[in-house]
Amino acid sequence: MKVMIVDDSVIMRKAIEMTLKNQGMQIVGQAADGEQAIQLFQEMNPEYVTMDITMPNMDGLTCIEELLKIDNSVKIIVVTALTQNGIALKALSLGAKAFINKPFTVEKVKEAFEKIMAKA
């Protein structure tokens, strides 16, 4: 499985990368904001994307919409520190497949990916 990680925090990108690699997933790219994510997405064509919400230049909600315009089959998992239900509902209504709160556990990430893969 090809995965792209989108988060403005280098530390968070590395934590997500290590978690996913330990699950046997291939990380094909990492972006620090939504604009970078769109460019990288078009180049790498990942099957899955982990998406932060609060980022400079383009936020995660806008990026979700843009990525799904490019490829509506991509599976997006939101990983964010924003815990308001409204944000989660908005992300899911835009097309995200799962929502994980930061700080996350390896188990939460694994569960989210298993849930999405089971529906595929």
PDB file of N, CA and C in Angstrom:
ATOM      1  N   MET A   1       0.833  -1.191   0.000  1.00  0.00           N
ATOM      2  CA  MET A   1       0.000   0.000   0.000  1.00  0.00           C
ATOM      3  C   MET A   1       0.872   1.246   0.000  1.00  0.00           C
ATOM      4  N   LYS A   2       0.565   2.145  -0.903  1.00  0.00           N
ATOM      5  CA  LYS A   2       1.309   3.394  -1.004  1.00  0.00           C
ATOM      6  C   LYS A   2       0.598   4.478  -0.187  1.00  0.00           C
ATOM      7  N   VAL A   3       1.357   5.112   0.717  1.00  0.00           N
ATOM      8  CA  VAL A   3       0.791   6.107   1.621  1.00  0.00           C
ATOM      9  C   VAL A   3       1.572   7.416   1.526  1.00  0.00           C
ATOM     10  N   MET A   4       0.842   8.530   1.531  1.00  0.00           N
ATOM     11  CA  MET A   4       1.438   9.854   1.620  1.00  0.00           C
ATOM     12  C   MET A   4       1.036  10.458   2.961  1.00  0.00           C
ATOM     13  N   ILE A   5       2.001  11.105   3.636  1.00  0.00           N
ATOM     14  CA  ILE A   5       1.768  11.720   4.934  1.00  0.00           C
ATOM     15  C   ILE A   5       1.760  13.235   4.769  1.00  0.00           C
ATOM     16  N   VAL A   6       0.699  13.883   5.274  1.00  0.00           N
ATOM     17  CA  VAL A   6       0.590  15.344   5.184  1.00  0.00           C
ATOM     18  C   VAL A   6       0.422  15.910   6.589  1.00  0.00           C
ATOM     19  N   ASP A   7       1.432  16.648   7.038  1.00  0.00           N
ATOM     20  CA  ASP A   7       1.399  17.265   8.368  1.00  0.00           C
ATOM     21  C   ASP A   7       2.472  18.344   8.400  1.00  0.00           C
ATOM     22  N   ASP A   8       2.175  19.480   9.017  1.00  0.00           N
ATOM     23  CA  ASP A   8       3.163  20.560   9.057  1.00  0.00           C
ATOM     24  C   ASP A   8       4.262  20.324  10.091  1.00  0.00           C
ATOM     25  N   SER A   9       4.104  19.344  10.950  1.00  0.00           N
ATOM     26  CA  SER A   9       5.105  19.030  11.965  1.00  0.00           C
ATOM     27  C   SER A   9       6.018  17.899  11.499  1.00  0.00           C
ATOM     28  N   VAL A  10       7.318  18.170  11.430  1.00  0.00           N
ATOM     29  CA  VAL A  10       8.286  17.145  11.041  1.00  0.00           C
ATOM     30  C   VAL A  10       8.242  15.988  12.033  1.00  0.00           C
ATOM     31  N   ILE A  11       8.139  16.302  13.308  1.00  0.00           N
ATOM     32  CA  ILE A  11       8.094  15.272  14.354  1.00  0.00           C
ATOM     33  C   ILE A  11       6.886  14.359  14.152  1.00  0.00           C
ATOM     34  N   MET A  12       5.733  14.960  13.849  1.00  0.00           N
ATOM     35  CA  MET A  12       4.524  14.160  13.642  1.00  0.00           C
ATOM     36  C   MET A  12       4.638  13.316  12.373  1.00  0.00           C
ATOM     37  N   ARG A  13       5.196  13.882  11.306  1.00  0.00           N
ATOM     38  CA  ARG A  13       5.377  13.099  10.069  1.00  0.00           C
ATOM     39  C   ARG A  13       6.262  11.882  10.338  1.00  0.00           C
ATOM     40  N   LYS A  14       7.332  12.085  11.094  1.00  0.00           N
ATOM     41  CA  LYS A  14       8.237  10.972  11.404  1.00  0.00           C
ATOM     42  C   LYS A  14       7.537   9.915  12.261  1.00  0.00           C
ATOM     43  N   ALA A  15       6.732  10.350  13.227  1.00  0.00           N
ATOM     44  CA  ALA A  15       6.008   9.403  14.086  1.00  0.00           C
ATOM     45  C   ALA A  15       5.016   8.584  13.265  1.00  0.00           C
ATOM     46  N   ILE A  16       4.296   9.245  12.368  1.00  0.00           N
ATOM     47  CA  ILE A  16       3.339   8.540  11.509  1.00  0.00           C
ATOM     48  C   ILE A  16       4.088   7.591  10.571  1.00  0.00           C
ATOM     49  N   GLU A  17       5.197   8.077  10.003  1.00  0.00           N
ATOM     50  CA  GLU A  17       5.997   7.252   9.095  1.00  0.00           C
ATOM     51  C   GLU A  17       6.459   5.970   9.784  1.00  0.00           C
ATOM     52  N   MET A  18       7.008   6.086  10.977  1.00  0.00           N
ATOM     53  CA  MET A  18       7.490   4.898  11.692  1.00  0.00           C
ATOM     54  C   MET A  18       6.348   3.940  12.003  1.00  0.00           C
ATOM     55  N   THR A  19       5.218   4.487  12.410  1.00  0.00           N
ATOM     56  CA  THR A  19       4.050   3.661  12.719  1.00  0.00           C
ATOM     57  C   THR A  19       3.594   2.885  11.490  1.00  0.00           C
ATOM     58  N   LEU A  20       3.503   3.571  10.350  1.00  0.00           N
ATOM     59  CA  LEU A  20       3.018   2.929   9.130  1.00  0.00           C
ATOM     60  C   LEU A  20       4.026   1.939   8.549  1.00  0.00           C
ATOM     61  N   LYS A  21       5.296   2.287   8.592  1.00  0.00           N
ATOM     62  CA  LYS A  21       6.321   1.355   8.083  1.00  0.00           C
ATOM     63  C   LYS A  21       6.314   0.066   8.886  1.00  0.00           C
ATOM     64  N   ASN A  22       6.085   0.184  10.192  1.00  0.00           N
ATOM     65  CA  ASN A  22       6.016  -1.005  11.039  1.00  0.00           C
ATOM     66  C   ASN A  22       4.799  -1.864  10.710  1.00  0.00           C
ATOM     67  N   GLN A  23       3.823  -1.282  10.012  1.00  0.00           N
ATOM     68  CA  GLN A  23       2.642  -2.027   9.572  1.00  0.00           C
ATOM     69  C   GLN A  23       2.829  -2.560   8.147  1.00  0.00           C
ATOM     70  N   GLY A  24       4.017  -2.359   7.581  1.00  0.00           N
ATOM     71  CA  GLY A  24       4.322  -2.879   6.257  1.00  0.00           C
ATOM     72  C   GLY A  24       3.866  -1.995   5.107  1.00  0.00           C
ATOM     73  N   MET A  25       3.599  -0.730   5.397  1.00  0.00           N
ATOM     74  CA  MET A  25       3.132   0.182   4.342  1.00  0.00           C
ATOM     75  C   MET A  25       4.307   0.944   3.729  1.00  0.00           C
ATOM     76  N   GLN A  26       4.156   1.289   2.456  1.00  0.00           N
ATOM     77  CA  GLN A  26       5.193   2.014   1.727  1.00  0.00           C
ATOM     78  C   GLN A  26       4.872   3.512   1.759  1.00  0.00           C
ATOM     79  N   ILE A  27       5.771   4.313   2.325  1.00  0.00           N
ATOM     80  CA  ILE A  27       5.585   5.763   2.356  1.00  0.00           C
ATOM     81  C   ILE A  27       6.161   6.325   1.054  1.00  0.00           C
ATOM     82  N   VAL A  28       5.304   6.898   0.219  1.00  0.00           N
ATOM     83  CA  VAL A  28       5.751   7.383  -1.089  1.00  0.00           C
ATOM     84  C   VAL A  28       5.996   8.890  -1.092  1.00  0.00           C
ATOM     85  N   GLY A  29       5.645   9.571  -0.009  1.00  0.00           N
ATOM     86  CA  GLY A  29       5.907  11.003   0.054  1.00  0.00           C
ATOM     87  C   GLY A  29       5.379  11.611   1.326  1.00  0.00           C
ATOM     88  N   GLN A  30       5.943  12.803   1.630  1.00  0.00           N
ATOM     89  CA  GLN A  30       5.515  13.556   2.802  1.00  0.00           C
ATOM     90  C   GLN A  30       5.421  15.027   2.412  1.00  0.00           C
ATOM     91  N   ALA A  31       4.369  15.683   2.892  1.00  0.00           N
ATOM     92  CA  ALA A  31       4.157  17.097   2.583  1.00  0.00           C
ATOM     93  C   ALA A  31       3.883  17.862   3.873  1.00  0.00           C
ATOM     94  N   ALA A  32       4.321  19.133   3.898  1.00  0.00           N
ATOM     95  CA  ALA A  32       4.169  19.972   5.089  1.00  0.00           C
ATOM     96  C   ALA A  32       2.929  20.856   5.039  1.00  0.00           C
ATOM     97  N   ASP A  33       2.251  20.895   3.892  1.00  0.00           N
ATOM     98  CA  ASP A  33       1.011  21.675   3.783  1.00  0.00           C
ATOM     99  C   ASP A  33       0.187  21.154   2.612  1.00  0.00           C
ATOM    100  N   GLY A  34      -1.015  21.675   2.492  1.00  0.00           N
ATOM    101  CA  GLY A  34      -1.929  21.203   1.461  1.00  0.00           C
ATOM    102  C   GLY A  34      -1.446  21.433   0.042  1.00  0.00           C
ATOM    103  N   GLU A  35      -0.782  22.549  -0.189  1.00  0.00           N
ATOM    104  CA  GLU A  35      -0.294  22.840  -1.542  1.00  0.00           C
ATOM    105  C   GLU A  35       0.762  21.828  -1.966  1.00  0.00           C
ATOM    106  N   GLN A  36       1.712  21.544  -1.055  1.00  0.00           N
ATOM    107  CA  GLN A  36       2.722  20.520  -1.350  1.00  0.00           C
ATOM    108  C   GLN A  36       2.054  19.167  -1.557  1.00  0.00           C
ATOM    109  N   ALA A  37       1.040  18.890  -0.753  1.00  0.00           N
ATOM    110  CA  ALA A  37       0.348  17.604  -0.826  1.00  0.00           C
ATOM    111  C   ALA A  37      -0.269  17.382  -2.203  1.00  0.00           C
ATOM    112  N   ILE A  38      -0.897  18.387  -2.743  1.00  0.00           N
ATOM    113  CA  ILE A  38      -1.541  18.249  -4.058  1.00  0.00           C
ATOM    114  C   ILE A  38      -0.502  17.953  -5.132  1.00  0.00           C
ATOM    115  N   GLN A  39       0.604  18.696  -5.112  1.00  0.00           N
ATOM    116  CA  GLN A  39       1.661  18.479  -6.102  1.00  0.00           C
ATOM    117  C   GLN A  39       2.244  17.074  -5.973  1.00  0.00           C
ATOM    118  N   LEU A  40       2.558  16.663  -4.755  1.00  0.00           N
ATOM    119  CA  LEU A  40       3.133  15.345  -4.512  1.00  0.00           C
ATOM    120  C   LEU A  40       2.147  14.226  -4.847  1.00  0.00           C
ATOM    121  N   PHE A  41       0.887  14.452  -4.532  1.00  0.00           N
ATOM    122  CA  PHE A  41      -0.159  13.467  -4.813  1.00  0.00           C
ATOM    123  C   PHE A  41      -0.217  13.165  -6.310  1.00  0.00           C
ATOM    124  N   GLN A  42      -0.140  14.205  -7.131  1.00  0.00           N
ATOM    125  CA  GLN A  42      -0.205  14.016  -8.576  1.00  0.00           C
ATOM    126  C   GLN A  42       1.008  13.253  -9.103  1.00  0.00           C
ATOM    127  N   GLU A  43       2.152  13.429  -8.453  1.00  0.00           N
ATOM    128  CA  GLU A  43       3.368  12.737  -8.871  1.00  0.00           C
ATOM    129  C   GLU A  43       3.393  11.279  -8.398  1.00  0.00           C
ATOM    130  N   MET A  44       2.972  11.043  -7.162  1.00  0.00           N
ATOM    131  CA  MET A  44       3.156   9.736  -6.531  1.00  0.00           C
ATOM    132  C   MET A  44       1.919   8.830  -6.563  1.00  0.00           C
ATOM    133  N   ASN A  45       0.746   9.409  -6.726  1.00  0.00           N
ATOM    134  CA  ASN A  45      -0.498   8.647  -6.822  1.00  0.00           C
ATOM    135  C   ASN A  45      -0.675   7.617  -5.687  1.00  0.00           C
ATOM    136  N   PRO A  46      -0.636   8.085  -4.428  1.00  0.00           N
ATOM    137  CA  PRO A  46      -0.805   7.138  -3.317  1.00  0.00           C
ATOM    138  C   PRO A  46      -2.241   6.633  -3.216  1.00  0.00           C
ATOM    139  N   GLU A  47      -2.401   5.468  -2.589  1.00  0.00           N
ATOM    140  CA  GLU A  47      -3.725   4.897  -2.359  1.00  0.00           C
ATOM    141  C   GLU A  47      -4.346   5.462  -1.082  1.00  0.00           C
ATOM    142  N   TYR A  48      -3.462   5.826  -0.124  1.00  0.00           N
ATOM    143  CA  TYR A  48      -3.893   6.330   1.178  1.00  0.00           C
ATOM    144  C   TYR A  48      -3.148   7.618   1.501  1.00  0.00           C
ATOM    145  N   VAL A  49      -3.826   8.505   2.237  1.00  0.00           N
ATOM    146  CA  VAL A  49      -3.211   9.760   2.674  1.00  0.00           C
ATOM    147  C   VAL A  49      -3.586   9.985   4.133  1.00  0.00           C
ATOM    148  N   THR A  50      -2.576  10.283   4.968  1.00  0.00           N
ATOM    149  CA  THR A  50      -2.886  10.759   6.319  1.00  0.00           C
ATOM    150  C   THR A  50      -2.846  12.274   6.243  1.00  0.00           C
ATOM    151  N   MET A  51      -3.846  12.936   6.812  1.00  0.00           N
ATOM    152  CA  MET A  51      -4.018  14.383   6.615  1.00  0.00           C
ATOM    153  C   MET A  51      -4.205  15.116   7.938  1.00  0.00           C
ATOM    154  N   ASP A  52      -3.329  16.091   8.184  1.00  0.00           N
ATOM    155  CA  ASP A  52      -3.520  17.013   9.300  1.00  0.00           C
ATOM    156  C   ASP A  52      -4.550  18.046   8.859  1.00  0.00           C
ATOM    157  N   ILE A  53      -5.163  18.736   9.795  1.00  0.00           N
ATOM    158  CA  ILE A  53      -6.147  19.773   9.447  1.00  0.00           C
ATOM    159  C   ILE A  53      -5.525  21.164   9.461  1.00  0.00           C
ATOM    160  N   THR A  54      -4.842  21.506  10.553  1.00  0.00           N
ATOM    161  CA  THR A  54      -4.288  22.847  10.708  1.00  0.00           C
ATOM    162  C   THR A  54      -2.883  22.897  10.122  1.00  0.00           C
ATOM    163  N   MET A  55      -2.767  23.557   8.952  1.00  0.00           N
ATOM    164  CA  MET A  55      -1.471  23.691   8.272  1.00  0.00           C
ATOM    165  C   MET A  55      -1.422  25.041   7.564  1.00  0.00           C
ATOM    166  N   PRO A  56      -0.221  25.545   7.299  1.00  0.00           N
ATOM    167  CA  PRO A  56      -0.105  26.798   6.546  1.00  0.00           C
ATOM    168  C   PRO A  56      -0.448  26.594   5.065  1.00  0.00           C
ATOM    169  N   ASN A  57      -0.665  27.687   4.363  1.00  0.00           N
ATOM    170  CA  ASN A  57      -0.903  27.740   2.908  1.00  0.00           C
ATOM    171  C   ASN A  57      -2.240  27.129   2.467  1.00  0.00           C
ATOM    172  N   MET A  58      -2.513  25.906   2.849  1.00  0.00           N
ATOM    173  CA  MET A  58      -3.802  25.280   2.550  1.00  0.00           C
ATOM    174  C   MET A  58      -4.100  24.291   3.663  1.00  0.00           C
ATOM    175  N   ASP A  59      -5.254  24.449   4.304  1.00  0.00           N
ATOM    176  CA  ASP A  59      -5.590  23.553   5.412  1.00  0.00           C
ATOM    177  C   ASP A  59      -6.018  22.180   4.912  1.00  0.00           C
ATOM    178  N   GLY A  60      -6.120  21.256   5.854  1.00  0.00           N
ATOM    179  CA  GLY A  60      -6.441  19.876   5.504  1.00  0.00           C
ATOM    180  C   GLY A  60      -7.820  19.684   4.913  1.00  0.00           C
ATOM    181  N   LEU A  61      -8.808  20.441   5.383  1.00  0.00           N
ATOM    182  CA  LEU A  61     -10.164  20.289   4.837  1.00  0.00           C
ATOM    183  C   LEU A  61     -10.201  20.662   3.364  1.00  0.00           C
ATOM    184  N   THR A  62      -9.557  21.773   3.013  1.00  0.00           N
ATOM    185  CA  THR A  62      -9.498  22.188   1.605  1.00  0.00           C
ATOM    186  C   THR A  62      -8.719  21.162   0.793  1.00  0.00           C
ATOM    187  N   CYS A  63      -7.637  20.667   1.362  1.00  0.00           N
ATOM    188  CA  CYS A  63      -6.809  19.688   0.663  1.00  0.00           C
ATOM    189  C   CYS A  63      -7.576  18.388   0.408  1.00  0.00           C
ATOM    190  N   ILE A  64      -8.376  17.961   1.369  1.00  0.00           N
ATOM    191  CA  ILE A  64      -9.197  16.754   1.174  1.00  0.00           C
ATOM    192  C   ILE A  64     -10.067  16.923  -0.071  1.00  0.00           C
ATOM    193  N   GLU A  65     -10.731  18.063  -0.165  1.00  0.00           N
ATOM    194  CA  GLU A  65     -11.597  18.326  -1.326  1.00  0.00           C
ATOM    195  C   GLU A  65     -10.799  18.270  -2.626  1.00  0.00           C
ATOM    196  N   GLU A  66      -9.632  18.896  -2.623  1.00  0.00           N
ATOM    197  CA  GLU A  66      -8.820  18.965  -3.845  1.00  0.00           C
ATOM    198  C   GLU A  66      -8.284  17.588  -4.249  1.00  0.00           C
ATOM    199  N   LEU A  67      -7.824  16.804  -3.279  1.00  0.00           N
ATOM    200  CA  LEU A  67      -7.305  15.474  -3.599  1.00  0.00           C
ATOM    201  C   LEU A  67      -8.397  14.579  -4.164  1.00  0.00           C
ATOM    202  N   LEU A  68      -9.591  14.670  -3.603  1.00  0.00           N
ATOM    203  CA  LEU A  68     -10.693  13.839  -4.086  1.00  0.00           C
ATOM    204  C   LEU A  68     -11.166  14.263  -5.473  1.00  0.00           C
ATOM    205  N   LYS A  69     -10.936  15.518  -5.847  1.00  0.00           N
ATOM    206  CA  LYS A  69     -11.236  15.957  -7.220  1.00  0.00           C
ATOM    207  C   LYS A  69     -10.264  15.298  -8.192  1.00  0.00           C
ATOM    208  N   ILE A  70      -9.035  15.107  -7.762  1.00  0.00           N
ATOM    209  CA  ILE A  70      -8.008  14.487  -8.604  1.00  0.00           C
ATOM    210  C   ILE A  70      -8.251  12.982  -8.719  1.00  0.00           C
ATOM    211  N   ASP A  71      -8.535  12.342  -7.581  1.00  0.00           N
ATOM    212  CA  ASP A  71      -8.752  10.893  -7.557  1.00  0.00           C
ATOM    213  C   ASP A  71      -9.736  10.571  -6.435  1.00  0.00           C
ATOM    214  N   ASN A  72     -10.977  10.303  -6.806  1.00  0.00           N
ATOM    215  CA  ASN A  72     -11.997  10.089  -5.772  1.00  0.00           C
ATOM    216  C   ASN A  72     -11.915   8.711  -5.114  1.00  0.00           C
ATOM    217  N   SER A  73     -10.939   7.895  -5.515  1.00  0.00           N
ATOM    218  CA  SER A  73     -10.780   6.593  -4.876  1.00  0.00           C
ATOM    219  C   SER A  73      -9.747   6.610  -3.748  1.00  0.00           C
ATOM    220  N   VAL A  74      -9.021   7.722  -3.585  1.00  0.00           N
ATOM    221  CA  VAL A  74      -8.013   7.792  -2.524  1.00  0.00           C
ATOM    222  C   VAL A  74      -8.689   7.728  -1.159  1.00  0.00           C
ATOM    223  N   LYS A  75      -8.057   7.013  -0.242  1.00  0.00           N
ATOM    224  CA  LYS A  75      -8.581   6.871   1.114  1.00  0.00           C
ATOM    225  C   LYS A  75      -7.816   7.834   2.021  1.00  0.00           C
ATOM    226  N   ILE A  76      -8.527   8.785   2.614  1.00  0.00           N
ATOM    227  CA  ILE A  76      -7.891   9.805   3.450  1.00  0.00           C
ATOM    228  C   ILE A  76      -8.239   9.565   4.916  1.00  0.00           C
ATOM    229  N   ILE A  77      -7.196   9.548   5.741  1.00  0.00           N
ATOM    230  CA  ILE A  77      -7.347   9.406   7.185  1.00  0.00           C
ATOM    231  C   ILE A  77      -6.863  10.704   7.823  1.00  0.00           C
ATOM    232  N   VAL A  78      -7.755  11.387   8.511  1.00  0.00           N
ATOM    233  CA  VAL A  78      -7.409  12.634   9.175  1.00  0.00           C
ATOM    234  C   VAL A  78      -6.724  12.302  10.503  1.00  0.00           C
ATOM    235  N   VAL A  79      -5.565  12.925  10.729  1.00  0.00           N
ATOM    236  CA  VAL A  79      -4.821  12.777  11.987  1.00  0.00           C
ATOM    237  C   VAL A  79      -4.587  14.190  12.508  1.00  0.00           C
ATOM    238  N   THR A  80      -5.315  14.584  13.541  1.00  0.00           N
ATOM    239  CA  THR A  80      -5.255  15.977  13.982  1.00  0.00           C
ATOM    240  C   THR A  80      -5.407  16.123  15.486  1.00  0.00           C
ATOM    241  N   ALA A  81      -4.925  17.249  15.985  1.00  0.00           N
ATOM    242  CA  ALA A  81      -5.085  17.581  17.406  1.00  0.00           C
ATOM    243  C   ALA A  81      -6.425  18.275  17.652  1.00  0.00           C
ATOM    244  N   LEU A  82      -7.097  18.700  16.582  1.00  0.00           N
ATOM    245  CA  LEU A  82      -8.406  19.338  16.735  1.00  0.00           C
ATOM    246  C   LEU A  82      -9.418  18.276  17.133  1.00  0.00           C
ATOM    247  N   THR A  83     -10.060  18.476  18.268  1.00  0.00           N
ATOM    248  CA  THR A  83     -10.957  17.429  18.773  1.00  0.00           C
ATOM    249  C   THR A  83     -12.431  17.809  18.695  1.00  0.00           C
ATOM    250  N   GLN A  84     -12.730  18.959  18.138  1.00  0.00           N
ATOM    251  CA  GLN A  84     -14.135  19.344  18.042  1.00  0.00           C
ATOM    252  C   GLN A  84     -14.861  18.395  17.091  1.00  0.00           C
ATOM    253  N   ASN A  85     -16.032  17.938  17.510  1.00  0.00           N
ATOM    254  CA  ASN A  85     -16.817  17.031  16.669  1.00  0.00           C
ATOM    255  C   ASN A  85     -17.125  17.628  15.316  1.00  0.00           C
ATOM    256  N   GLY A  86     -17.310  18.929  15.260  1.00  0.00           N
ATOM    257  CA  GLY A  86     -17.625  19.591  13.997  1.00  0.00           C
ATOM    258  C   GLY A  86     -16.541  19.386  12.959  1.00  0.00           C
ATOM    259  N   ILE A  87     -15.289  19.421  13.391  1.00  0.00           N
ATOM    260  CA  ILE A  87     -14.170  19.224  12.463  1.00  0.00           C
ATOM    261  C   ILE A  87     -14.184  17.790  11.931  1.00  0.00           C
ATOM    262  N   ALA A  88     -14.378  16.831  12.813  1.00  0.00           N
ATOM    263  CA  ALA A  88     -14.412  15.429  12.391  1.00  0.00           C
ATOM    264  C   ALA A  88     -15.553  15.195  11.416  1.00  0.00           C
ATOM    265  N   LEU A  89     -16.715  15.706  11.750  1.00  0.00           N
ATOM    266  CA  LEU A  89     -17.876  15.527  10.868  1.00  0.00           C
ATOM    267  C   LEU A  89     -17.657  16.194   9.523  1.00  0.00           C
ATOM    268  N   LYS A  90     -17.075  17.386   9.534  1.00  0.00           N
ATOM    269  CA  LYS A  90     -16.797  18.106   8.286  1.00  0.00           C
ATOM    270  C   LYS A  90     -15.825  17.295   7.420  1.00  0.00           C
ATOM    271  N   ALA A  91     -14.750  16.802   8.037  1.00  0.00           N
ATOM    272  CA  ALA A  91     -13.762  16.017   7.292  1.00  0.00           C
ATOM    273  C   ALA A  91     -14.400  14.759   6.695  1.00  0.00           C
ATOM    274  N   LEU A  92     -15.208  14.083   7.481  1.00  0.00           N
ATOM    275  CA  LEU A  92     -15.874  12.868   6.992  1.00  0.00           C
ATOM    276  C   LEU A  92     -16.893  13.190   5.910  1.00  0.00           C
ATOM    277  N   SER A  93     -17.598  14.307   6.058  1.00  0.00           N
ATOM    278  CA  SER A  93     -18.584  14.682   5.035  1.00  0.00           C
ATOM    279  C   SER A  93     -17.911  15.068   3.717  1.00  0.00           C
ATOM    280  N   LEU A  94     -16.669  15.546   3.801  1.00  0.00           N
ATOM    281  CA  LEU A  94     -15.923  15.897   2.588  1.00  0.00           C
ATOM    282  C   LEU A  94     -15.359  14.666   1.886  1.00  0.00           C
ATOM    283  N   GLY A  95     -15.301  13.544   2.609  1.00  0.00           N
ATOM    284  CA  GLY A  95     -14.832  12.323   1.970  1.00  0.00           C
ATOM    285  C   GLY A  95     -13.722  11.596   2.702  1.00  0.00           C
ATOM    286  N   ALA A  96     -13.254  12.124   3.833  1.00  0.00           N
ATOM    287  CA  ALA A  96     -12.265  11.385   4.622  1.00  0.00           C
ATOM    288  C   ALA A  96     -12.909  10.085   5.103  1.00  0.00           C
ATOM    289  N   LYS A  97     -12.106   9.051   5.258  1.00  0.00           N
ATOM    290  CA  LYS A  97     -12.625   7.729   5.636  1.00  0.00           C
ATOM    291  C   LYS A  97     -12.487   7.430   7.121  1.00  0.00           C
ATOM    292  N   ALA A  98     -11.595   8.155   7.809  1.00  0.00           N
ATOM    293  CA  ALA A  98     -11.389   7.910   9.239  1.00  0.00           C
ATOM    294  C   ALA A  98     -10.799   9.160   9.874  1.00  0.00           C
ATOM    295  N   PHE A  99     -10.868   9.212  11.201  1.00  0.00           N
ATOM    296  CA  PHE A  99     -10.421  10.378  11.967  1.00  0.00           C
ATOM    297  C   PHE A  99      -9.685   9.873  13.197  1.00  0.00           C
ATOM    298  N   ILE A 100      -8.426  10.287  13.354  1.00  0.00           N
ATOM    299  CA  ILE A 100      -7.617   9.891  14.508  1.00  0.00           C
ATOM    300  C   ILE A 100      -7.173  11.155  15.235  1.00  0.00           C
ATOM    301  N   ASN A 101      -7.362  11.173  16.547  1.00  0.00           N
ATOM    302  CA  ASN A 101      -6.915  12.319  17.348  1.00  0.00           C
ATOM    303  C   ASN A 101      -5.447  12.176  17.725  1.00  0.00           C
ATOM    304  N   LYS A 102      -4.740  13.320  17.719  1.00  0.00           N
ATOM    305  CA  LYS A 102      -3.386  13.379  18.255  1.00  0.00           C
ATOM    306  C   LYS A 102      -3.501  13.687  19.739  1.00  0.00           C
ATOM    307  N   PRO A 103      -2.631  13.195  20.571  1.00  0.00           N
ATOM    308  CA  PRO A 103      -1.597  12.218  20.211  1.00  0.00           C
ATOM    309  C   PRO A 103      -2.239  10.857  19.950  1.00  0.00           C
ATOM    310  N   PHE A 104      -1.739  10.165  18.946  1.00  0.00           N
ATOM    311  CA  PHE A 104      -2.320   8.880  18.555  1.00  0.00           C
ATOM    312  C   PHE A 104      -1.500   7.733  19.114  1.00  0.00           C
ATOM    313  N   THR A 105      -2.096   6.569  19.108  1.00  0.00           N
ATOM    314  CA  THR A 105      -1.372   5.352  19.473  1.00  0.00           C
ATOM    315  C   THR A 105      -1.201   4.516  18.211  1.00  0.00           C
ATOM    316  N   VAL A 106      -0.234   3.636  18.243  1.00  0.00           N
ATOM    317  CA  VAL A 106      -0.020   2.724  17.119  1.00  0.00           C
ATOM    318  C   VAL A 106      -1.294   1.935  16.858  1.00  0.00           C
ATOM    319  N   GLU A 107      -1.958   1.530  17.935  1.00  0.00           N
ATOM    320  CA  GLU A 107      -3.182   0.740  17.809  1.00  0.00           C
ATOM    321  C   GLU A 107      -4.287   1.518  17.090  1.00  0.00           C
ATOM    322  N   LYS A 108      -4.437   2.809  17.405  1.00  0.00           N
ATOM    323  CA  LYS A 108      -5.474   3.636  16.747  1.00  0.00           C
ATOM    324  C   LYS A 108      -5.214   3.743  15.246  1.00  0.00           C
ATOM    325  N   VAL A 109      -3.955   3.931  14.872  1.00  0.00           N
ATOM    326  CA  VAL A 109      -3.609   4.035  13.453  1.00  0.00           C
ATOM    327  C   VAL A 109      -3.879   2.698  12.766  1.00  0.00           C
ATOM    328  N   LYS A 110      -3.461   1.621  13.385  1.00  0.00           N
ATOM    329  CA  LYS A 110      -3.673   0.291  12.825  1.00  0.00           C
ATOM    330  C   LYS A 110      -5.167   0.012  12.641  1.00  0.00           C
ATOM    331  N   GLU A 111      -5.966   0.340  13.661  1.00  0.00           N
ATOM    332  CA  GLU A 111      -7.421   0.136  13.584  1.00  0.00           C
ATOM    333  C   GLU A 111      -8.034   0.928  12.437  1.00  0.00           C
ATOM    334  N   ALA A 112      -7.611   2.189  12.273  1.00  0.00           N
ATOM    335  CA  ALA A 112      -8.169   3.033  11.207  1.00  0.00           C
ATOM    336  C   ALA A 112      -7.878   2.434   9.835  1.00  0.00           C
ATOM    337  N   PHE A 113      -6.642   1.996   9.608  1.00  0.00           N
ATOM    338  CA  PHE A 113      -6.297   1.408   8.319  1.00  0.00           C
ATOM    339  C   PHE A 113      -7.032   0.089   8.096  1.00  0.00           C
ATOM    340  N   GLU A 114      -7.135  -0.731   9.142  1.00  0.00           N
ATOM    341  CA  GLU A 114      -7.858  -2.011   9.000  1.00  0.00           C
ATOM    342  C   GLU A 114      -9.318  -1.774   8.659  1.00  0.00           C
ATOM    343  N   LYS A 115      -9.919  -0.793   9.294  1.00  0.00           N
ATOM    344  CA  LYS A 115     -11.326  -0.461   9.049  1.00  0.00           C
ATOM    345  C   LYS A 115     -11.537  -0.045   7.588  1.00  0.00           C
ATOM    346  N   ILE A 116     -10.653   0.787   7.090  1.00  0.00           N
ATOM    347  CA  ILE A 116     -10.768   1.257   5.708  1.00  0.00           C
ATOM    348  C   ILE A 116     -10.522   0.108   4.721  1.00  0.00           C
ATOM    349  N   MET A 117      -9.530  -0.708   4.987  1.00  0.00           N
ATOM    350  CA  MET A 117      -9.209  -1.819   4.080  1.00  0.00           C
ATOM    351  C   MET A 117     -10.343  -2.844   4.055  1.00  0.00           C
ATOM    352  N   ALA A 118     -11.009  -3.032   5.169  1.00  0.00           N
ATOM    353  CA  ALA A 118     -12.116  -3.976   5.235  1.00  0.00           C
ATOM    354  C   ALA A 118     -13.282  -3.524   4.355  1.00  0.00           C
ATOM    355  N   LYS A 119     -13.438  -2.208   4.194  1.00  0.00           N
ATOM    356  CA  LYS A 119     -14.526  -1.674   3.374  1.00  0.00           C
ATOM    357  C   LYS A 119     -14.184  -1.656   1.892  1.00  0.00           C
ATOM    358  N   ALA A 120     -12.904  -1.793   1.564  1.00  0.00           N
ATOM    359  CA  ALA A 120     -12.475  -1.681   0.168  1.00  0.00           C
ATOM    360  C   ALA A 120     -12.896  -2.874  -0.659  1.00  0.00           C
TER     361      ALA A 120
END
